Amino acid sequence: MTANPVRERVAALMARLHDEATAFFTSLDRGGRFREDRWDRPGGGGGVARVLTEGATFEKAGINRSAVMGTLPPGAAARLGARVEGGEDATFYATGTGEYEGQGKKPAIRYSGSLVPYRVAMHVRSDSDIKGISDLRGKRVSSEFNAQKTIARIIEGHLANAGLGYKDVVRVPAPNVARQAEDFMSGKVDVMFFALGSPAVKQAHASVGGVRVLGVNTAPDAIRRTEALLPGAYVIEVSPGPAVEGITKPIPLIAFDMVLITNAKVSDEVVYAVAKALHGGKEDLVATFPPFALFQPQNMAKVLEGVPPHPGAMKYYREIGLAK
């Protein structure tokens, strides 16, 4: 048995797509040929670069692929962990709404499956007099997020859960969540939004003498206010554990699913194979990326508002009884 069969199956699929793309552009050029260079990464993995120059149709064309392994530096991991590409963002992008208002619908976007719940929360200092989200009225809250517009919407969804909005707090502009975390640790804001257990939360926990997570209101009206801003969001109960800071008893929090998005032009065979590899590969996924411990394969066929499912994925889900 290979060390990581899921990774190898996906890498094989990418190699096949790379070959198909190379053949396609070679046929379009009708005369040129691609030169291939292979490279290895010292820390693990490598890639293949293919370049066509002075072709009959293309002056220059490049088609590359890479598969690398390693550990991200804490700062990079925090930025990636905070970049929300959840179900609600996919819905807005595909339908041309939310942060994508005015950019038009994306009719070729297809949904391939639900992966892990993205558990997020508002964090305060452990000694703060802020006991709930409703206590944020008049407090300093990060806003704008010009480089990460979705973050402002998620914070607004939390405020709405408590019947508040940005008009009820003191707005402190921040370009991104990394700056927001710095502002929280330096005392410029009173609350910090981040994914549970992320490197930034761990750093803040150590820096300010401990953080405390604020739970959300589970009343139907409160949840509807959140859903109006965050389609597909739901409440999840999170218990204390060594991987999360600021939780001392079971607490209700907002979550939404990280989803796998593709294009209608991707073949049914490729999407089918990816869905099958993911569904049967939880153990290997967790070994590669521990947060996949929250992955529930039986939920992969959940409906995603505003985004049609890819037929290749649906074929697999129907075969195993996850979809009708």
Protein backbone atom coordinates (compact mmCIF):
# COMPACT_ATOMS: atom_id res chain seq x y z
CA MET A 1 0.00 0.00 0.00
CA THR A 2 1.33 3.45 -0.86
CA ALA A 3 2.02 6.04 1.83
CA ASN A 4 -0.70 8.39 0.63
CA PRO A 5 -2.98 6.86 -2.04
CA VAL A 6 -5.36 9.84 -2.15
CA ARG A 7 -2.53 12.23 -2.95
CA GLU A 8 -1.16 9.86 -5.57
CA ARG A 9 -4.55 9.36 -7.23
CA VAL A 10 -5.16 13.11 -7.41
CA ALA A 11 -1.61 13.70 -8.70
CA ALA A 12 -2.24 11.08 -11.40
CA LEU A 13 -5.44 12.86 -12.41
CA MET A 14 -3.60 16.17 -12.63
CA ALA A 15 -0.88 14.55 -14.77
CA ARG A 16 -3.55 13.24 -17.10
CA LEU A 17 -5.19 16.68 -17.40
CA HIS A 18 -1.73 18.16 -18.03
CA ASP A 19 -1.17 15.72 -20.89
CA GLU A 20 -4.62 16.41 -22.34
CA ALA A 21 -4.06 20.18 -22.21
CA THR A 22 -0.66 19.80 -23.87
CA ALA A 23 -2.15 17.69 -26.67
CA PHE A 24 -5.01 20.18 -27.12
CA PHE A 25 -2.77 23.23 -27.52
CA THR A 26 -0.34 21.31 -29.72
CA SER A 27 -3.22 20.53 -32.07
CA LEU A 28 -4.36 24.16 -32.00
CA ASP A 29 -0.88 25.40 -32.89
CA ARG A 30 -0.58 23.02 -35.86
CA GLY A 31 3.19 22.98 -36.05
CA GLY A 32 4.86 23.73 -32.72
CA ARG A 33 6.01 21.31 -30.06
CA PHE A 34 6.30 21.72 -26.29
CA ARG A 35 9.69 21.44 -24.58
CA GLU A 36 9.48 19.69 -21.22
CA ASP A 37 11.53 20.37 -18.08
CA ARG A 38 11.08 18.39 -14.86
CA TRP A 39 12.15 19.66 -11.44
CA ASP A 40 12.30 18.29 -7.91
CA ARG A 41 11.66 20.19 -4.68
CA PRO A 42 14.15 19.42 -1.89
CA GLY A 43 11.40 19.42 0.75
CA GLY A 44 9.22 17.00 -1.22
CA GLY A 45 7.43 16.86 -4.53
CA GLY A 46 8.24 18.50 -7.82
CA GLY A 47 6.74 19.57 -11.10
CA VAL A 48 6.72 19.57 -14.87
CA ALA A 49 7.03 22.70 -17.02
CA ARG A 50 6.15 22.57 -20.72
CA VAL A 51 6.88 25.54 -22.99
CA LEU A 52 6.12 26.12 -26.65
CA THR A 53 7.96 28.95 -28.42
CA GLU A 54 7.73 30.30 -31.95
CA GLY A 55 4.86 28.06 -32.89
CA ALA A 56 2.75 28.32 -36.00
CA THR A 57 -0.13 29.91 -34.04
CA PHE A 58 1.24 30.78 -30.60
CA GLU A 59 4.32 32.92 -30.18
CA LYS A 60 4.74 31.42 -26.71
CA ALA A 61 2.66 29.10 -24.54
CA GLY A 62 3.27 27.40 -21.22
CA ILE A 63 1.45 24.58 -19.40
CA ASN A 64 2.78 23.65 -15.97
CA ARG A 65 1.86 21.43 -13.07
CA SER A 66 3.35 20.82 -9.64
CA ALA A 67 2.71 18.73 -6.55
CA VAL A 68 4.67 19.76 -3.48
CA MET A 69 4.69 18.73 0.17
CA GLY A 70 5.86 20.37 3.34
CA THR A 71 4.87 22.46 6.35
CA LEU A 72 3.74 26.06 5.95
CA PRO A 73 5.31 28.76 8.15
CA PRO A 74 2.83 29.87 10.87
CA GLY A 75 2.14 33.23 9.20
CA ALA A 76 1.35 31.67 5.84
CA ALA A 77 -0.78 28.98 7.47
CA ALA A 78 -2.77 31.65 9.31
CA ARG A 79 -3.43 33.59 6.15
CA LEU A 80 -4.52 30.50 4.26
CA GLY A 81 -6.67 29.31 7.16
CA ALA A 82 -8.44 32.66 7.29
CA ARG A 83 -9.15 32.93 3.62
CA VAL A 84 -12.74 31.73 3.59
CA GLU A 85 -13.68 29.80 0.44
CA GLY A 86 -16.78 28.32 1.99
CA GLY A 87 -20.15 27.39 0.61
CA GLU A 88 -21.54 30.89 1.05
CA ASP A 89 -18.69 32.38 -1.01
CA ALA A 90 -19.28 29.85 -3.78
CA THR A 91 -22.98 30.75 -3.78
CA PHE A 92 -22.24 34.47 -4.07
CA TYR A 93 -19.65 33.91 -6.83
CA ALA A 94 -21.85 31.62 -8.91
CA THR A 95 -24.92 33.85 -8.62
CA GLY A 96 -23.14 37.21 -8.94
CA THR A 97 -24.38 38.42 -5.56
CA GLY A 98 -22.82 39.46 -2.25
CA GLU A 99 -19.22 40.54 -2.71
CA TYR A 100 -19.54 39.66 -6.42
CA GLU A 101 -22.51 41.97 -7.07
CA GLY A 102 -22.31 43.45 -10.57
CA GLN A 103 -19.86 40.83 -11.87
CA GLY A 104 -22.55 38.68 -13.43
CA LYS A 105 -23.53 35.06 -12.91
CA LYS A 106 -21.01 32.27 -13.51
CA PRO A 107 -23.13 29.60 -15.22
CA ALA A 108 -20.21 27.18 -15.70
CA ILE A 109 -19.48 26.80 -11.97
CA ARG A 110 -20.31 23.35 -10.62
CA TYR A 111 -20.40 21.88 -7.12
CA SER A 112 -18.55 18.63 -6.50
CA GLY A 113 -19.06 18.03 -2.80
CA SER A 114 -19.03 19.23 0.78
CA LEU A 115 -15.81 18.68 2.70
CA VAL A 116 -15.18 19.92 6.25
CA PRO A 117 -17.22 22.31 8.42
CA TYR A 118 -15.43 25.63 8.78
CA ARG A 119 -15.98 26.48 12.46
CA VAL A 120 -15.56 30.17 13.17
CA ALA A 121 -16.00 32.37 16.20
CA MET A 122 -15.58 35.76 17.80
CA HIS A 123 -12.80 35.69 20.41
CA VAL A 124 -12.26 38.12 23.31
CA ARG A 125 -9.64 38.26 26.04
CA SER A 126 -10.40 35.78 28.79
CA ASP A 127 -10.67 38.61 31.35
CA SER A 128 -12.92 40.77 29.13
CA ASP A 129 -16.26 42.02 30.44
CA ILE A 130 -17.78 41.05 27.10
CA LYS A 131 -19.84 37.95 27.87
CA GLY A 132 -21.78 37.59 24.62
CA ILE A 133 -21.97 38.98 21.11
CA SER A 134 -24.73 41.37 22.18
CA ASP A 135 -22.18 43.00 24.52
CA LEU A 136 -20.21 44.17 21.47
CA ARG A 137 -22.49 47.18 21.12
CA GLY A 138 -20.25 50.24 21.29
CA LYS A 139 -17.07 48.12 21.27
CA ARG A 140 -14.22 48.29 18.77
CA VAL A 141 -14.66 45.76 15.97
CA SER A 142 -12.47 45.25 12.90
CA SER A 143 -14.17 46.27 9.65
CA GLU A 144 -13.75 46.95 5.91
CA PHE A 145 -11.34 44.08 5.05
CA ASN A 146 -10.69 45.48 1.59
CA ALA A 147 -8.42 42.53 0.76
CA GLN A 148 -10.87 39.95 2.17
CA LYS A 149 -14.41 41.25 1.75
CA THR A 150 -15.97 37.97 2.83
CA ILE A 151 -14.52 38.34 6.33
CA ALA A 152 -16.48 41.56 6.93
CA ARG A 153 -19.66 39.73 5.89
CA ILE A 154 -18.99 36.85 8.30
CA ILE A 155 -18.40 39.26 11.18
CA GLU A 156 -21.60 41.07 10.20
CA GLY A 157 -23.39 37.71 10.25
CA HIS A 158 -22.26 37.21 13.84
CA LEU A 159 -23.38 40.69 14.82
CA ALA A 160 -26.76 40.11 13.15
CA ASN A 161 -27.19 36.96 15.20
CA ALA A 162 -27.31 39.23 18.26
CA GLY A 163 -29.52 41.82 16.56
CA LEU A 164 -26.59 44.15 15.89
CA GLY A 165 -24.85 45.54 12.84
CA TYR A 166 -21.69 47.46 12.06
CA LYS A 167 -23.69 50.64 12.82
CA ASP A 168 -23.82 49.54 16.46
CA VAL A 169 -20.05 49.16 16.98
CA VAL A 170 -16.94 51.27 16.61
CA ARG A 171 -15.48 50.29 13.25
CA VAL A 172 -11.72 49.81 13.09
CA PRO A 173 -10.60 49.29 9.46
CA ALA A 174 -8.28 46.37 8.72
CA PRO A 175 -7.16 45.10 5.29
CA ASN A 176 -7.22 41.42 6.24
CA VAL A 177 -7.58 38.99 9.13
CA ALA A 178 -3.83 38.90 9.79
CA ARG A 179 -3.86 42.65 10.55
CA GLN A 180 -7.02 42.19 12.60
CA ALA A 181 -5.22 39.63 14.77
CA GLU A 182 -2.33 42.05 15.27
CA ASP A 183 -4.79 44.80 16.24
CA PHE A 184 -6.44 42.49 18.76
CA MET A 185 -3.15 41.53 20.36
CA SER A 186 -2.03 45.17 20.53
CA GLY A 187 -5.31 46.26 22.13
CA LYS A 188 -6.66 48.27 19.19
CA VAL A 189 -9.85 46.18 18.94
CA ASP A 190 -11.91 44.35 21.55
CA VAL A 191 -12.73 41.19 19.64
CA MET A 192 -11.06 38.96 17.06
CA PHE A 193 -12.77 36.84 14.42
CA PHE A 194 -10.96 33.68 13.34
CA ALA A 195 -11.38 29.99 12.67
CA LEU A 196 -11.25 27.86 15.80
CA GLY A 197 -7.81 26.62 16.72
CA SER A 198 -6.03 28.49 13.92
CA PRO A 199 -2.38 29.52 14.37
CA ALA A 200 -3.45 33.17 14.84
CA VAL A 201 -5.78 32.20 17.70
CA LYS A 202 -3.05 30.18 19.37
CA GLN A 203 -0.67 33.14 19.05
CA ALA A 204 -3.27 35.54 20.49
CA HIS A 205 -4.06 33.11 23.30
CA ALA A 206 -0.42 33.10 24.34
CA SER A 207 0.05 36.84 23.78
CA VAL A 208 -2.89 38.30 25.74
CA GLY A 209 -3.08 35.82 28.60
CA GLY A 210 -5.87 33.71 27.16
CA VAL A 211 -8.88 34.10 24.87
CA ARG A 212 -12.54 33.23 25.32
CA VAL A 213 -14.98 32.27 22.57
CA LEU A 214 -18.38 33.97 22.35
CA GLY A 215 -21.28 31.64 21.63
CA VAL A 216 -24.15 32.47 19.27
CA ASN A 217 -27.89 32.73 19.82
CA THR A 218 -29.66 29.56 18.66
CA ALA A 219 -33.18 31.05 18.57
CA PRO A 220 -34.79 30.58 15.11
CA ASP A 221 -35.03 34.33 14.47
CA ALA A 222 -31.36 34.82 15.36
CA ILE A 223 -30.28 32.01 13.05
CA ARG A 224 -32.39 33.42 10.21
CA ARG A 225 -30.68 36.81 10.61
CA THR A 226 -27.32 35.09 10.21
CA GLU A 227 -28.47 32.98 7.24
CA ALA A 228 -29.68 36.12 5.46
CA LEU A 229 -26.06 37.29 5.31
CA LEU A 230 -24.39 33.88 5.12
CA PRO A 231 -26.36 31.42 2.93
CA GLY A 232 -25.73 27.86 4.04
CA ALA A 233 -24.47 28.80 7.51
CA TYR A 234 -25.66 26.67 10.40
CA VAL A 235 -25.12 26.29 14.14
CA ILE A 236 -22.78 23.60 15.42
CA GLU A 237 -22.03 22.69 19.03
CA VAL A 238 -18.31 22.58 19.82
CA SER A 239 -16.93 20.95 22.95
CA PRO A 240 -13.67 21.75 24.74
CA GLY A 241 -10.57 20.06 23.38
CA PRO A 242 -6.80 20.47 23.14
CA ALA A 243 -7.03 21.71 19.54
CA VAL A 244 -9.22 24.73 20.33
CA GLU A 245 -8.57 27.65 22.65
CA GLY A 246 -11.17 29.64 24.57
CA ILE A 247 -13.81 26.94 25.06
CA THR A 248 -14.42 25.51 28.54
CA LYS A 249 -17.86 23.95 27.99
CA PRO A 250 -20.00 22.95 24.98
CA ILE A 251 -20.90 26.09 23.05
CA PRO A 252 -22.99 26.87 19.94
CA LEU A 253 -21.03 28.45 17.09
CA ILE A 254 -21.50 29.36 13.44
CA ALA A 255 -20.17 26.97 10.81
CA PHE A 256 -20.39 26.59 7.07
CA ASP A 257 -19.01 23.93 4.80
CA MET A 258 -15.82 24.15 2.84
CA VAL A 259 -16.78 22.88 -0.59
CA LEU A 260 -15.12 21.51 -3.70
CA ILE A 261 -15.92 23.61 -6.77
CA THR A 262 -15.17 22.78 -10.39
CA ASN A 263 -16.22 23.78 -13.91
CA ALA A 264 -18.86 22.29 -16.16
CA LYS A 265 -16.14 21.65 -18.77
CA VAL A 266 -14.26 19.22 -16.52
CA SER A 267 -15.07 15.69 -17.62
CA ASP A 268 -17.50 13.53 -15.65
CA GLU A 269 -14.82 10.86 -15.40
CA VAL A 270 -12.32 13.16 -13.66
CA VAL A 271 -14.86 14.59 -11.19
CA TYR A 272 -16.24 11.12 -10.47
CA ALA A 273 -12.72 9.86 -9.67
CA VAL A 274 -11.96 12.83 -7.41
CA ALA A 275 -15.24 12.44 -5.50
CA LYS A 276 -14.61 8.73 -5.07
CA ALA A 277 -11.03 9.27 -3.88
CA LEU A 278 -12.13 11.86 -1.33
CA HIS A 279 -15.07 9.83 -0.06
CA GLY A 280 -12.96 6.75 0.55
CA GLY A 281 -9.80 8.49 1.71
CA LYS A 282 -10.56 10.16 5.05
CA GLU A 283 -7.73 8.39 6.86
CA ASP A 284 -5.18 9.55 4.31
CA LEU A 285 -6.68 13.05 4.19
CA VAL A 286 -6.33 13.39 7.96
CA ALA A 287 -2.73 12.19 7.77
CA THR A 288 -2.04 14.91 5.20
CA PHE A 289 -4.11 17.68 6.82
CA PRO A 290 -5.37 17.03 10.40
CA PRO A 291 -8.45 19.32 10.19
CA PHE A 292 -9.95 16.67 7.89
CA ALA A 293 -10.76 14.81 11.12
CA LEU A 294 -14.03 16.79 10.94
CA PHE A 295 -14.74 15.48 7.42
CA GLN A 296 -17.97 13.44 7.25
CA PRO A 297 -17.99 11.62 3.88
CA GLN A 298 -21.71 10.87 4.23
CA ASN A 299 -22.38 14.64 3.94
CA MET A 300 -20.56 15.16 0.64
CA ALA A 301 -23.79 15.30 -1.38
CA LYS A 302 -25.35 18.14 0.63
CA VAL A 303 -27.12 20.71 -1.56
CA LEU A 304 -25.25 23.99 -2.19
CA GLU A 305 -27.57 26.93 -2.73
CA GLY A 306 -27.29 28.53 -6.16
CA VAL A 307 -24.63 26.14 -7.53
CA PRO A 308 -25.62 23.14 -9.71
CA PRO A 309 -23.92 19.83 -8.87
CA HIS A 310 -21.45 18.38 -11.34
CA PRO A 311 -22.92 15.27 -13.02
CA GLY A 312 -19.70 13.32 -12.49
CA ALA A 313 -19.93 13.80 -8.72
CA MET A 314 -23.66 13.07 -8.68
CA LYS A 315 -23.09 9.83 -10.58
CA TYR A 316 -20.82 8.61 -7.81
CA TYR A 317 -23.08 9.85 -5.00
CA ARG A 318 -26.07 8.05 -6.55
CA GLU A 319 -24.08 4.82 -6.87
CA ILE A 320 -23.31 4.80 -3.14
CA GLY A 321 -26.75 5.99 -2.01
CA LEU A 322 -25.89 9.55 -0.96
CA ALA A 323 -28.14 11.10 -3.62
CA LYS A 324 -31.24 10.10 -5.54
